C-alpha atoms as a PDB file:
ATOM      1  CA  MET A   1       7.487  13.941  18.367  1.00  0.00           C
ATOM      2  CA  GLY A   2      10.213  12.495  20.451  1.00  0.00           C
ATOM      3  CA  TRP A   3      13.850  12.787  21.602  1.00  0.00           C
ATOM      4  CA  GLN A   4      16.528  11.088  23.631  1.00  0.00           C
ATOM      5  CA  VAL A   5      20.104  11.938  24.514  1.00  0.00           C
ATOM      6  CA  HIS A   6      22.724   9.141  25.079  1.00  0.00           C
ATOM      7  CA  GLY A   7      26.384   9.078  25.442  1.00  0.00           C
ATOM      8  CA  GLU A   8      26.802   6.920  22.315  1.00  0.00           C
ATOM      9  CA  GLU A   9      25.074   6.369  19.041  1.00  0.00           C
ATOM     10  CA  LEU A  10      23.551   2.864  18.872  1.00  0.00           C
ATOM     11  CA  SER A  11      20.802   1.225  16.617  1.00  0.00           C
ATOM     12  CA  LEU A  12      19.143   0.116  20.009  1.00  0.00           C
ATOM     13  CA  PHE A  13      18.654   3.653  21.141  1.00  0.00           C
ATOM     14  CA  ALA A  14      17.199   4.691  17.840  1.00  0.00           C
ATOM     15  CA  ALA A  15      14.836   1.751  17.875  1.00  0.00           C
ATOM     16  CA  ASP A  16      13.652   2.367  21.495  1.00  0.00           C
ATOM     17  CA  LEU A  17      12.947   6.012  20.454  1.00  0.00           C
ATOM     18  CA  MET A  18      10.940   4.945  17.350  1.00  0.00           C
ATOM     19  CA  THR A  19       9.048   2.415  19.402  1.00  0.00           C
ATOM     20  CA  ASP A  20       8.177   5.027  22.048  1.00  0.00           C
ATOM     21  CA  ILE A  21       7.002   7.618  19.520  1.00  0.00           C
ATOM     22  CA  CYS A  22       4.874   5.086  17.659  1.00  0.00           C
ATOM     23  CA  GLN A  23       3.262   3.787  20.815  1.00  0.00           C
ATOM     24  CA  ARG A  24       2.635   7.180  22.365  1.00  0.00           C
ATOM     25  CA  GLU A  25       1.286   8.872  19.276  1.00  0.00           C
ATOM     26  CA  GLY A  26      -0.841   5.870  18.065  1.00  0.00           C
ATOM     27  CA  ILE A  27       1.063   5.503  14.810  1.00  0.00           C
ATOM     28  CA  GLU A  28      -0.376   2.739  12.660  1.00  0.00           C
ATOM     29  CA  ARG A  29       1.496   0.311  10.163  1.00  0.00           C
ATOM     30  CA  ASN A  30       2.502   2.228   7.038  1.00  0.00           C
ATOM     31  CA  GLN A  31       1.252   5.473   8.348  1.00  0.00           C
ATOM     32  CA  ILE A  32       4.678   7.230   8.335  1.00  0.00           C
ATOM     33  CA  THR A  33       8.142   7.316   6.630  1.00  0.00           C
ATOM     34  CA  LEU A  34      11.032   7.844   8.699  1.00  0.00           C
ATOM     35  CA  HIS A  35      13.475  10.182   6.798  1.00  0.00           C
ATOM     36  CA  SER A  36      16.991   9.852   8.174  1.00  0.00           C
ATOM     37  CA  ASP A  37      20.635  10.161   7.305  1.00  0.00           C
ATOM     38  CA  ASN A  38      22.957   6.988   6.284  1.00  0.00           C
ATOM     39  CA  GLY A  39      24.320   6.908   9.865  1.00  0.00           C
ATOM     40  CA  SER A  40      24.935   3.411  11.250  1.00  0.00           C
ATOM     41  CA  PRO A  41      22.252   3.804  14.092  1.00  0.00           C
ATOM     42  CA  MET A  42      19.612   4.348  11.537  1.00  0.00           C
ATOM     43  CA  LYS A  43      20.765   1.483   9.240  1.00  0.00           C
ATOM     44  CA  GLY A  44      21.596  -1.036  12.080  1.00  0.00           C
ATOM     45  CA  ALA A  45      19.820  -4.293  12.119  1.00  0.00           C
ATOM     46  CA  THR A  46      18.045  -3.534  15.298  1.00  0.00           C
ATOM     47  CA  MET A  47      16.705  -0.249  13.994  1.00  0.00           C
ATOM     48  CA  LEU A  48      15.700  -1.808  10.733  1.00  0.00           C
ATOM     49  CA  ALA A  49      14.020  -4.764  12.409  1.00  0.00           C
ATOM     50  CA  THR A  50      12.160  -2.381  14.825  1.00  0.00           C
ATOM     51  CA  LEU A  51      10.945  -0.138  11.844  1.00  0.00           C
ATOM     52  CA  GLN A  52       9.712  -3.348  10.012  1.00  0.00           C
ATOM     53  CA  GLU A  53       8.035  -4.619  13.208  1.00  0.00           C
ATOM     54  CA  LEU A  54       6.275  -1.056  13.612  1.00  0.00           C
ATOM     55  CA  GLY A  55       5.392  -0.826   9.926  1.00  0.00           C
ATOM     56  CA  VAL A  56       7.568   2.444   9.588  1.00  0.00           C
ATOM     57  CA  VAL A  57       9.044   2.869   6.082  1.00  0.00           C
ATOM     58  CA  PRO A  58      12.576   3.842   6.232  1.00  0.00           C
ATOM     59  CA  SER A  59      14.076   6.467   3.706  1.00  0.00           C
ATOM     60  CA  PHE A  60      17.712   7.405   3.808  1.00  0.00           C
ATOM     61  CA  SER A  61      17.794  10.286   1.529  1.00  0.00           C
ATOM     62  CA  ARG A  62      15.621  12.520  -0.610  1.00  0.00           C
ATOM     63  CA  PRO A  63      15.810  11.985  -4.493  1.00  0.00           C
ATOM     64  CA  SER A  64      18.422  14.231  -6.102  1.00  0.00           C
ATOM     65  CA  VAL A  65      19.688  15.621  -2.677  1.00  0.00           C
ATOM     66  CA  SER A  66      22.656  14.115  -0.622  1.00  0.00           C
ATOM     67  CA  ASN A  67      21.628  12.900   2.841  1.00  0.00           C
ATOM     68  CA  ASP A  68      19.720  15.833   4.092  1.00  0.00           C
ATOM     69  CA  ASN A  69      16.207  16.341   5.609  1.00  0.00           C
ATOM     70  CA  PRO A  70      15.130  19.997   5.534  1.00  0.00           C
ATOM     71  CA  TYR A  71      13.022  19.604   8.710  1.00  0.00           C
ATOM     72  CA  SER A  72      15.726  18.078  10.833  1.00  0.00           C
ATOM     73  CA  GLU A  73      18.261  20.521   9.326  1.00  0.00           C
ATOM     74  CA  SER A  74      15.912  23.559  10.215  1.00  0.00           C
ATOM     75  CA  VAL A  75      15.600  22.199  13.762  1.00  0.00           C
ATOM     76  CA  PHE A  76      19.451  21.971  14.005  1.00  0.00           C
ATOM     77  CA  ARG A  77      20.001  25.438  12.736  1.00  0.00           C
ATOM     78  CA  THR A  78      17.403  26.934  15.204  1.00  0.00           C
ATOM     79  CA  LEU A  79      18.987  24.816  17.961  1.00  0.00           C
ATOM     80  CA  LYS A  80      22.553  26.175  17.246  1.00  0.00           C
ATOM     81  CA  TYR A  81      21.462  29.886  16.948  1.00  0.00           C
ATOM     82  CA  ARG A  82      19.643  29.882  20.324  1.00  0.00           C
ATOM     83  CA  PRO A  83      21.172  32.551  22.644  1.00  0.00           C
ATOM     84  CA  GLU A  84      21.622  29.886  25.440  1.00  0.00           C
ATOM     85  CA  TYR A  85      23.276  27.373  23.089  1.00  0.00           C
ATOM     86  CA  PRO A  86      26.153  26.100  25.192  1.00  0.00           C
ATOM     87  CA  GLU A  87      29.608  27.402  24.472  1.00  0.00           C
ATOM     88  CA  LYS A  88      31.350  24.489  26.105  1.00  0.00           C
ATOM     89  CA  PRO A  89      30.726  20.708  26.159  1.00  0.00           C
ATOM     90  CA  PHE A  90      28.043  19.746  28.801  1.00  0.00           C
ATOM     91  CA  VAL A  91      29.430  18.562  32.129  1.00  0.00           C
ATOM     92  CA  ASP A  92      27.663  15.214  31.967  1.00  0.00           C
ATOM     93  CA  ILE A  93      24.755  13.480  30.267  1.00  0.00           C
ATOM     94  CA  SER A  94      22.238  14.792  32.853  1.00  0.00           C
ATOM     95  CA  ALA A  95      23.278  18.397  31.774  1.00  0.00           C
ATOM     96  CA  ALA A  96      22.847  17.588  28.113  1.00  0.00           C
ATOM     97  CA  ARG A  97      19.450  16.035  28.668  1.00  0.00           C
ATOM     98  CA  GLY A  98      18.359  19.130  30.762  1.00  0.00           C
ATOM     99  CA  TRP A  99      19.349  21.444  27.980  1.00  0.00           C
ATOM    100  CA  VAL A 100      17.688  19.366  25.196  1.00  0.00           C
ATOM    101  CA  SER A 101      14.503  19.167  27.128  1.00  0.00           C
ATOM    102  CA  SER A 102      14.409  22.782  27.620  1.00  0.00           C
ATOM    103  CA  PHE A 103      15.028  23.459  23.917  1.00  0.00           C
ATOM    104  CA  VAL A 104      12.476  20.948  22.836  1.00  0.00           C
ATOM    105  CA  HIS A 105       9.905  22.468  25.098  1.00  0.00           C
ATOM    106  CA  TRP A 106      10.619  25.906  23.672  1.00  0.00           C
ATOM    107  CA  TYR A 107      10.590  24.643  20.116  1.00  0.00           C
ATOM    108  CA  ASN A 108       7.297  22.822  20.389  1.00  0.00           C
ATOM    109  CA  HIS A 109       5.351  25.068  22.727  1.00  0.00           C
ATOM    110  CA  GLU A 110       6.608  28.669  22.097  1.00  0.00           C
ATOM    111  CA  HIS A 111       8.420  28.966  18.760  1.00  0.00           C
ATOM    112  CA  ARG A 112       5.969  29.814  16.014  1.00  0.00           C
ATOM    113  CA  HIS A 113       6.994  28.207  12.727  1.00  0.00           C
ATOM    114  CA  SER A 114       6.659  30.056   9.348  1.00  0.00           C
ATOM    115  CA  GLY A 115       6.060  26.693   7.543  1.00  0.00           C
ATOM    116  CA  ILE A 116       2.783  26.167   9.509  1.00  0.00           C
ATOM    117  CA  LYS A 117       1.474  29.776   9.465  1.00  0.00           C
ATOM    118  CA  PHE A 118       3.218  30.826  12.552  1.00  0.00           C
ATOM    119  CA  VAL A 119       1.638  28.538  15.042  1.00  0.00           C
ATOM    120  CA  THR A 120       3.624  26.085  17.387  1.00  0.00           C
ATOM    121  CA  PRO A 121       4.034  22.450  16.612  1.00  0.00           C
ATOM    122  CA  GLU A 122       2.117  21.648  19.670  1.00  0.00           C
ATOM    123  CA  GLN A 123      -0.916  23.888  18.379  1.00  0.00           C
ATOM    124  CA  ARG A 124      -0.663  22.094  15.013  1.00  0.00           C
ATOM    125  CA  HIS A 125      -0.430  18.680  16.733  1.00  0.00           C
ATOM    126  CA  THR A 126      -3.596  19.179  18.764  1.00  0.00           C
ATOM    127  CA  GLY A 127      -5.555  21.001  16.102  1.00  0.00           C
ATOM    128  CA  GLU A 128      -5.697  24.310  18.019  1.00  0.00           C
ATOM    129  CA  ASP A 129      -4.150  25.881  14.901  1.00  0.00           C
ATOM    130  CA  ILE A 130      -7.500  25.620  13.123  1.00  0.00           C
ATOM    131  CA  GLN A 131      -9.182  28.181  15.524  1.00  0.00           C
ATOM    132  CA  ILE A 132      -6.061  30.286  15.827  1.00  0.00           C
ATOM    133  CA  LEU A 133      -5.738  30.718  11.918  1.00  0.00           C
ATOM    134  CA  SER A 134      -9.578  31.270  11.518  1.00  0.00           C
ATOM    135  CA  LYS A 135      -9.423  34.136  14.127  1.00  0.00           C
ATOM    136  CA  ARG A 136      -6.282  35.692  12.397  1.00  0.00           C
ATOM    137  CA  LYS A 137      -8.249  35.464   8.930  1.00  0.00           C
ATOM    138  CA  GLN A 138     -11.100  37.457  10.676  1.00  0.00           C
ATOM    139  CA  VAL A 139      -8.805  40.095  12.170  1.00  0.00           C
ATOM    140  CA  TYR A 140      -7.021  40.614   8.924  1.00  0.00           C
ATOM    141  CA  GLU A 141     -10.448  40.886   6.984  1.00  0.00           C
ATOM    142  CA  LYS A 142     -11.921  43.286   9.438  1.00  0.00           C
ATOM    143  CA  ALA A 143      -8.839  45.468   9.439  1.00  0.00           C
ATOM    144  CA  ARG A 144      -8.947  45.606   5.529  1.00  0.00           C
ATOM    145  CA  SER A 145     -12.754  46.404   5.568  1.00  0.00           C
ATOM    146  CA  GLN A 146     -12.178  49.317   8.160  1.00  0.00           C
ATOM    147  CA  ASN A 147      -9.136  50.645   6.349  1.00  0.00           C
ATOM    148  CA  PRO A 148      -9.066  49.471   2.654  1.00  0.00           C
ATOM    149  CA  GLY A 149      -6.543  52.135   1.620  1.00  0.00           C
ATOM    150  CA  ARG A 150      -3.928  50.443   3.864  1.00  0.00           C
ATOM    151  CA  TRP A 151      -4.027  47.379   1.545  1.00  0.00           C
ATOM    152  CA  THR A 152      -2.635  47.190  -1.923  1.00  0.00           C
ATOM    153  CA  GLY A 153      -3.727  43.598  -2.461  1.00  0.00           C
ATOM    154  CA  LYS A 154      -5.174  40.603  -0.694  1.00  0.00           C
ATOM    155  CA  THR A 155      -4.472  40.076   2.998  1.00  0.00           C
ATOM    156  CA  ARG A 156      -2.039  37.518   4.266  1.00  0.00           C
ATOM    157  CA  ASN A 157      -3.325  33.948   3.576  1.00  0.00           C
ATOM    158  CA  TRP A 158      -4.116  32.391   6.998  1.00  0.00           C
ATOM    159  CA  ASP A 159      -5.829  29.169   5.492  1.00  0.00           C
ATOM    160  CA  ARG A 160      -4.567  25.986   7.203  1.00  0.00           C
ATOM    161  CA  ILE A 161      -2.000  24.012   5.436  1.00  0.00           C
ATOM    162  CA  ASP A 162      -3.600  20.694   5.494  1.00  0.00           C
ATOM    163  CA  LYS A 163      -0.558  18.526   4.734  1.00  0.00           C
ATOM    164  CA  VAL A 164       3.386  19.216   4.615  1.00  0.00           C
ATOM    165  CA  TYR A 165       5.476  17.160   2.361  1.00  0.00           C
ATOM    166  CA  LEU A 166       9.265  16.438   2.516  1.00  0.00           C
ATOM    167  CA  ASN A 167       9.301  16.073  -1.208  1.00  0.00           C
ATOM    168  CA  PRO A 168       6.400  17.754  -3.082  1.00  0.00           C
ATOM    169  CA  GLU A 169       6.037  16.332  -6.464  1.00  0.00           C
ATOM    170  CA  LYS A 170       8.050  18.001  -9.049  1.00  0.00           C
ATOM    171  CA  GLY A 171       6.126  19.873 -11.706  1.00  0.00           C
ATOM    172  CA  LYS A 172       3.170  20.977  -9.778  1.00  0.00           C
ATOM    173  CA  SER A 173       1.991  24.497  -9.781  1.00  0.00           C
ATOM    174  CA  GLU A 174       2.494  26.655  -6.855  1.00  0.00           C
ATOM    175  CA  VAL A 175      -1.228  26.653  -6.163  1.00  0.00           C
ATOM    176  CA  ASP A 176      -1.119  22.782  -6.225  1.00  0.00           C
ATOM    177  CA  LYS A 177       1.930  22.868  -3.771  1.00  0.00           C
ATOM    178  CA  ASN A 178       0.126  25.147  -1.494  1.00  0.00           C
ATOM    179  CA  LYS A 179      -2.878  22.901  -1.335  1.00  0.00           C
ATOM    180  CA  ALA A 180      -0.625  19.880  -0.732  1.00  0.00           C
ATOM    181  CA  ALA A 181       1.667  21.730   1.628  1.00  0.00           C
END
């Protein structure tokens, strides 16, 4: 949704980032929860006041799990394993911003995510995934009808995942989780 690179961690920068994202994306009060670590920029007075003003609910850790967010952890892992991940520190802040900009563009516009049925975040965000997944489903069904012996069971499920939850409710069946995921 948004990113910034600064030479230091400050609550003011985090607040500016959230304000920019909420305004650009048309986020309404109480529409989202911001899951973050317990770092001082995220818990600083400026950030907390901004979140309150924006109507963003802060969350500093998941229940029964210490300070991690599986989505951001996944992004960081992907970032660190990119072939062009720098081996040495950036020469300056401009170089850091350039590298992050390039990574974010690739991640959002080219990288297909398994958690959202192998579409890009941009395709998901704009709704293009609906047509893409429908087409994939048709291709698989046609292939199965033309060569049923190749298939031992059902084809891959290309139904769109309507919602993705950070903390699915415990105790739900896999079918319920997939409907909610």
